[in-house]
């Protein structure tokens, strides 16, 4: 198994404009639930010792199947939320570089941390960035399903 920091962008959760309520409570849609289940196989070659997630429901739901399959708890980390990911989230990721840790974040985090846009990496919702110890992108795993 490979020991890498894995950045998982939360799976599909429908359009925020059609969600009437607190956006942090917006759940995964049907496609997103399939993507979350698919992460179990998609990340099977990687060692995972911890799973850290934004407190947003869609992020938690994205990594819950992976956590269950690995016998791990999902650690809720406010610094991975949309409001803090650019600063505190990037610091958290840097501290975990080279460790077998999954971070579930929001779009834009790859830019905050690595200075690259999602379009440049083809890092859609439900996708995973595989980062080396120096935070160089080694691979981009497309969203399952």
C-alpha atoms as a PDB file:
ATOM      1  CA  UNK A   1       0.000   0.000   0.000  1.00  0.00           C
ATOM      2  CA  UNK A   2       1.115   3.494  -0.782  1.00  0.00           C
ATOM      3  CA  UNK A   3       1.537   6.135   1.955  1.00  0.00           C
ATOM      4  CA  UNK A   4       0.342   9.449   0.554  1.00  0.00           C
ATOM      5  CA  UNK A   5      -1.702  12.448   1.575  1.00  0.00           C
ATOM      6  CA  UNK A   6      -5.005  12.178  -0.290  1.00  0.00           C
ATOM      7  CA  UNK A   7      -7.162  15.231  -0.975  1.00  0.00           C
ATOM      8  CA  UNK A   8     -10.725  14.204  -1.715  1.00  0.00           C
ATOM      9  CA  UNK A   9     -13.046  16.840  -3.129  1.00  0.00           C
ATOM     10  CA  UNK A  10     -16.539  16.223  -1.795  1.00  0.00           C
ATOM     11  CA  UNK A  11     -18.829  14.251  -4.077  1.00  0.00           C
ATOM     12  CA  UNK A  12     -21.816  15.627  -6.022  1.00  0.00           C
ATOM     13  CA  UNK A  13     -24.338  17.412  -3.838  1.00  0.00           C
ATOM     14  CA  UNK A  14     -26.633  19.102  -6.292  1.00  0.00           C
ATOM     15  CA  UNK A  15     -26.632  22.820  -6.930  1.00  0.00           C
ATOM     16  CA  UNK A  16     -26.245  25.152  -3.962  1.00  0.00           C
ATOM     17  CA  UNK A  17     -28.642  27.612  -5.621  1.00  0.00           C
ATOM     18  CA  UNK A  18     -31.464  25.064  -5.397  1.00  0.00           C
ATOM     19  CA  UNK A  19     -30.802  24.294  -1.718  1.00  0.00           C
ATOM     20  CA  UNK A  20     -32.994  26.395   0.591  1.00  0.00           C
ATOM     21  CA  UNK A  21     -31.162  26.485   3.871  1.00  0.00           C
ATOM     22  CA  UNK A  22     -27.769  26.407   5.501  1.00  0.00           C
ATOM     23  CA  UNK A  23     -25.372  25.297   2.767  1.00  0.00           C
ATOM     24  CA  UNK A  24     -23.258  23.376   5.275  1.00  0.00           C
ATOM     25  CA  UNK A  25     -26.238  21.016   5.670  1.00  0.00           C
ATOM     26  CA  UNK A  26     -26.594  20.281   1.936  1.00  0.00           C
ATOM     27  CA  UNK A  27     -26.338  16.490   1.492  1.00  0.00           C
ATOM     28  CA  UNK A  28     -24.958  14.405  -1.331  1.00  0.00           C
ATOM     29  CA  UNK A  29     -27.324  13.690  -4.178  1.00  0.00           C
ATOM     30  CA  UNK A  30     -27.813  10.212  -5.670  1.00  0.00           C
ATOM     31  CA  UNK A  31     -24.729  10.477  -7.881  1.00  0.00           C
ATOM     32  CA  UNK A  32     -22.697  11.758  -4.943  1.00  0.00           C
ATOM     33  CA  UNK A  33     -23.732   8.800  -2.787  1.00  0.00           C
ATOM     34  CA  UNK A  34     -22.537   6.432  -5.540  1.00  0.00           C
ATOM     35  CA  UNK A  35     -19.264   8.354  -5.756  1.00  0.00           C
ATOM     36  CA  UNK A  36     -18.783   8.105  -1.980  1.00  0.00           C
ATOM     37  CA  UNK A  37     -19.295   4.348  -2.065  1.00  0.00           C
ATOM     38  CA  UNK A  38     -16.904   4.092  -5.002  1.00  0.00           C
ATOM     39  CA  UNK A  39     -14.099   5.768  -3.063  1.00  0.00           C
ATOM     40  CA  UNK A  40     -13.710   2.568  -1.032  1.00  0.00           C
ATOM     41  CA  UNK A  41     -12.391   0.740  -4.116  1.00  0.00           C
ATOM     42  CA  UNK A  42     -10.793   3.767  -5.773  1.00  0.00           C
ATOM     43  CA  UNK A  43      -8.524   4.347  -2.766  1.00  0.00           C
ATOM     44  CA  UNK A  44      -7.933   0.687  -1.874  1.00  0.00           C
ATOM     45  CA  UNK A  45      -4.253   0.797  -2.880  1.00  0.00           C
ATOM     46  CA  UNK A  46      -3.501   3.527  -0.348  1.00  0.00           C
ATOM     47  CA  UNK A  47      -2.748   3.176   3.315  1.00  0.00           C
ATOM     48  CA  UNK A  48      -5.103   5.357   5.360  1.00  0.00           C
ATOM     49  CA  UNK A  49      -4.566   5.933   9.073  1.00  0.00           C
ATOM     50  CA  UNK A  50      -6.774   8.995   9.522  1.00  0.00           C
ATOM     51  CA  UNK A  51      -9.662  10.675   7.727  1.00  0.00           C
ATOM     52  CA  UNK A  52     -10.165  14.388   8.340  1.00  0.00           C
ATOM     53  CA  UNK A  53     -13.139  16.257   6.907  1.00  0.00           C
ATOM     54  CA  UNK A  54     -14.731  19.629   6.591  1.00  0.00           C
ATOM     55  CA  UNK A  55     -17.767  19.845   8.882  1.00  0.00           C
ATOM     56  CA  UNK A  56     -20.062  20.275   5.853  1.00  0.00           C
ATOM     57  CA  UNK A  57     -22.543  17.411   5.566  1.00  0.00           C
ATOM     58  CA  UNK A  58     -21.590  16.716   1.933  1.00  0.00           C
ATOM     59  CA  UNK A  59     -17.933  16.270   2.916  1.00  0.00           C
ATOM     60  CA  UNK A  60     -18.733  13.996   5.837  1.00  0.00           C
ATOM     61  CA  UNK A  61     -21.037  11.873   3.695  1.00  0.00           C
ATOM     62  CA  UNK A  62     -18.312  11.593   1.038  1.00  0.00           C
ATOM     63  CA  UNK A  63     -15.813   9.895   3.352  1.00  0.00           C
ATOM     64  CA  UNK A  64     -18.128   7.983   5.702  1.00  0.00           C
ATOM     65  CA  UNK A  65     -18.174   4.800   3.540  1.00  0.00           C
ATOM     66  CA  UNK A  66     -14.361   4.862   3.329  1.00  0.00           C
ATOM     67  CA  UNK A  67     -14.083   5.335   7.093  1.00  0.00           C
ATOM     68  CA  UNK A  68     -16.484   2.463   7.734  1.00  0.00           C
ATOM     69  CA  UNK A  69     -14.573   0.172   5.365  1.00  0.00           C
ATOM     70  CA  UNK A  70     -11.280   1.019   7.083  1.00  0.00           C
ATOM     71  CA  UNK A  71     -12.626   0.893  10.640  1.00  0.00           C
ATOM     72  CA  UNK A  72     -11.790   4.559  11.204  1.00  0.00           C
ATOM     73  CA  UNK A  73     -13.671   7.536  12.566  1.00  0.00           C
ATOM     74  CA  UNK A  74     -14.091  10.673  10.486  1.00  0.00           C
ATOM     75  CA  UNK A  75     -12.426  13.539  12.329  1.00  0.00           C
ATOM     76  CA  UNK A  76     -14.355  16.788  11.823  1.00  0.00           C
ATOM     77  CA  UNK A  77     -11.925  19.639  11.268  1.00  0.00           C
ATOM     78  CA  UNK A  78     -13.348  23.186  11.031  1.00  0.00           C
ATOM     79  CA  UNK A  79     -10.168  24.359   9.332  1.00  0.00           C
ATOM     80  CA  UNK A  80     -11.179  22.300   6.270  1.00  0.00           C
ATOM     81  CA  UNK A  81     -14.471  24.190   5.948  1.00  0.00           C
ATOM     82  CA  UNK A  82     -14.936  26.630   3.098  1.00  0.00           C
ATOM     83  CA  UNK A  83     -14.316  29.655   5.319  1.00  0.00           C
ATOM     84  CA  UNK A  84     -10.946  28.485   6.674  1.00  0.00           C
ATOM     85  CA  UNK A  85      -9.558  26.098   4.063  1.00  0.00           C
ATOM     86  CA  UNK A  86      -7.402  28.753   2.354  1.00  0.00           C
ATOM     87  CA  UNK A  87      -5.455  29.480   5.525  1.00  0.00           C
ATOM     88  CA  UNK A  88      -5.865  27.027   8.379  1.00  0.00           C
ATOM     89  CA  UNK A  89      -6.802  24.162   6.048  1.00  0.00           C
ATOM     90  CA  UNK A  90      -3.656  24.669   3.979  1.00  0.00           C
ATOM     91  CA  UNK A  91      -1.585  24.676   7.178  1.00  0.00           C
ATOM     92  CA  UNK A  92      -3.273  21.450   8.310  1.00  0.00           C
ATOM     93  CA  UNK A  93      -2.548  19.779   4.966  1.00  0.00           C
ATOM     94  CA  UNK A  94       1.074  20.893   5.074  1.00  0.00           C
ATOM     95  CA  UNK A  95       1.475  19.364   8.564  1.00  0.00           C
ATOM     96  CA  UNK A  96       0.160  16.039   7.222  1.00  0.00           C
ATOM     97  CA  UNK A  97       2.288  15.958   4.057  1.00  0.00           C
ATOM     98  CA  UNK A  98       3.790  12.511   3.518  1.00  0.00           C
ATOM     99  CA  UNK A  99       1.364  10.857   5.918  1.00  0.00           C
ATOM    100  CA  UNK A 100      -1.352   8.314   5.106  1.00  0.00           C
ATOM    101  CA  UNK A 101      -4.177  10.769   5.708  1.00  0.00           C
ATOM    102  CA  UNK A 102      -7.328  11.609   3.752  1.00  0.00           C
ATOM    103  CA  UNK A 103      -8.561  15.213   3.793  1.00  0.00           C
ATOM    104  CA  UNK A 104     -12.070  15.855   2.466  1.00  0.00           C
ATOM    105  CA  UNK A 105     -12.398  19.444   1.308  1.00  0.00           C
ATOM    106  CA  UNK A 106     -14.248  21.807  -0.987  1.00  0.00           C
ATOM    107  CA  UNK A 107     -13.512  23.071  -4.466  1.00  0.00           C
ATOM    108  CA  UNK A 108     -10.798  25.688  -4.532  1.00  0.00           C
ATOM    109  CA  UNK A 109      -8.695  23.976  -1.873  1.00  0.00           C
ATOM    110  CA  UNK A 110      -6.240  22.699  -4.478  1.00  0.00           C
ATOM    111  CA  UNK A 111      -5.610  26.315  -5.448  1.00  0.00           C
ATOM    112  CA  UNK A 112      -5.275  27.423  -1.831  1.00  0.00           C
ATOM    113  CA  UNK A 113      -2.764  24.679  -1.111  1.00  0.00           C
ATOM    114  CA  UNK A 114      -0.991  24.114  -4.421  1.00  0.00           C
ATOM    115  CA  UNK A 115      -1.685  27.259  -6.440  1.00  0.00           C
ATOM    116  CA  UNK A 116      -3.421  25.377  -9.269  1.00  0.00           C
ATOM    117  CA  UNK A 117      -6.990  25.543 -10.502  1.00  0.00           C
ATOM    118  CA  UNK A 118      -9.384  22.582 -10.584  1.00  0.00           C
ATOM    119  CA  UNK A 119      -9.603  22.923 -14.360  1.00  0.00           C
ATOM    120  CA  UNK A 120      -5.835  22.546 -14.644  1.00  0.00           C
ATOM    121  CA  UNK A 121      -5.916  19.294 -12.684  1.00  0.00           C
ATOM    122  CA  UNK A 122      -9.271  17.922 -13.841  1.00  0.00           C
ATOM    123  CA  UNK A 123     -10.178  17.630 -10.176  1.00  0.00           C
ATOM    124  CA  UNK A 124     -13.988  17.420 -10.232  1.00  0.00           C
ATOM    125  CA  UNK A 125     -16.310  16.707  -7.336  1.00  0.00           C
ATOM    126  CA  UNK A 126     -15.620  13.237  -5.981  1.00  0.00           C
ATOM    127  CA  UNK A 127     -12.057  13.236  -7.361  1.00  0.00           C
ATOM    128  CA  UNK A 128      -8.877  12.669  -5.364  1.00  0.00           C
ATOM    129  CA  UNK A 129      -5.455  14.287  -5.578  1.00  0.00           C
ATOM    130  CA  UNK A 130      -2.562  12.055  -4.547  1.00  0.00           C
ATOM    131  CA  UNK A 131       0.179  14.188  -3.022  1.00  0.00           C
ATOM    132  CA  UNK A 132       3.798  13.281  -2.359  1.00  0.00           C
ATOM    133  CA  UNK A 133       5.641  14.346   0.787  1.00  0.00           C
ATOM    134  CA  UNK A 134       6.582  17.667  -0.838  1.00  0.00           C
ATOM    135  CA  UNK A 135       2.905  18.193  -1.789  1.00  0.00           C
ATOM    136  CA  UNK A 136       3.626  17.624  -5.466  1.00  0.00           C
ATOM    137  CA  UNK A 137       0.657  16.128  -7.295  1.00  0.00           C
ATOM    138  CA  UNK A 138       1.535  12.528  -8.164  1.00  0.00           C
ATOM    139  CA  UNK A 139      -1.813  11.464  -9.524  1.00  0.00           C
ATOM    140  CA  UNK A 140      -5.388  12.575  -9.995  1.00  0.00           C
ATOM    141  CA  UNK A 141      -7.971   9.880  -9.376  1.00  0.00           C
ATOM    142  CA  UNK A 142     -11.217  10.653 -11.194  1.00  0.00           C
ATOM    143  CA  UNK A 143     -14.509  10.449  -9.354  1.00  0.00           C
ATOM    144  CA  UNK A 144     -15.913   6.944  -9.144  1.00  0.00           C
ATOM    145  CA  UNK A 145     -19.284   6.147 -10.753  1.00  0.00           C
END
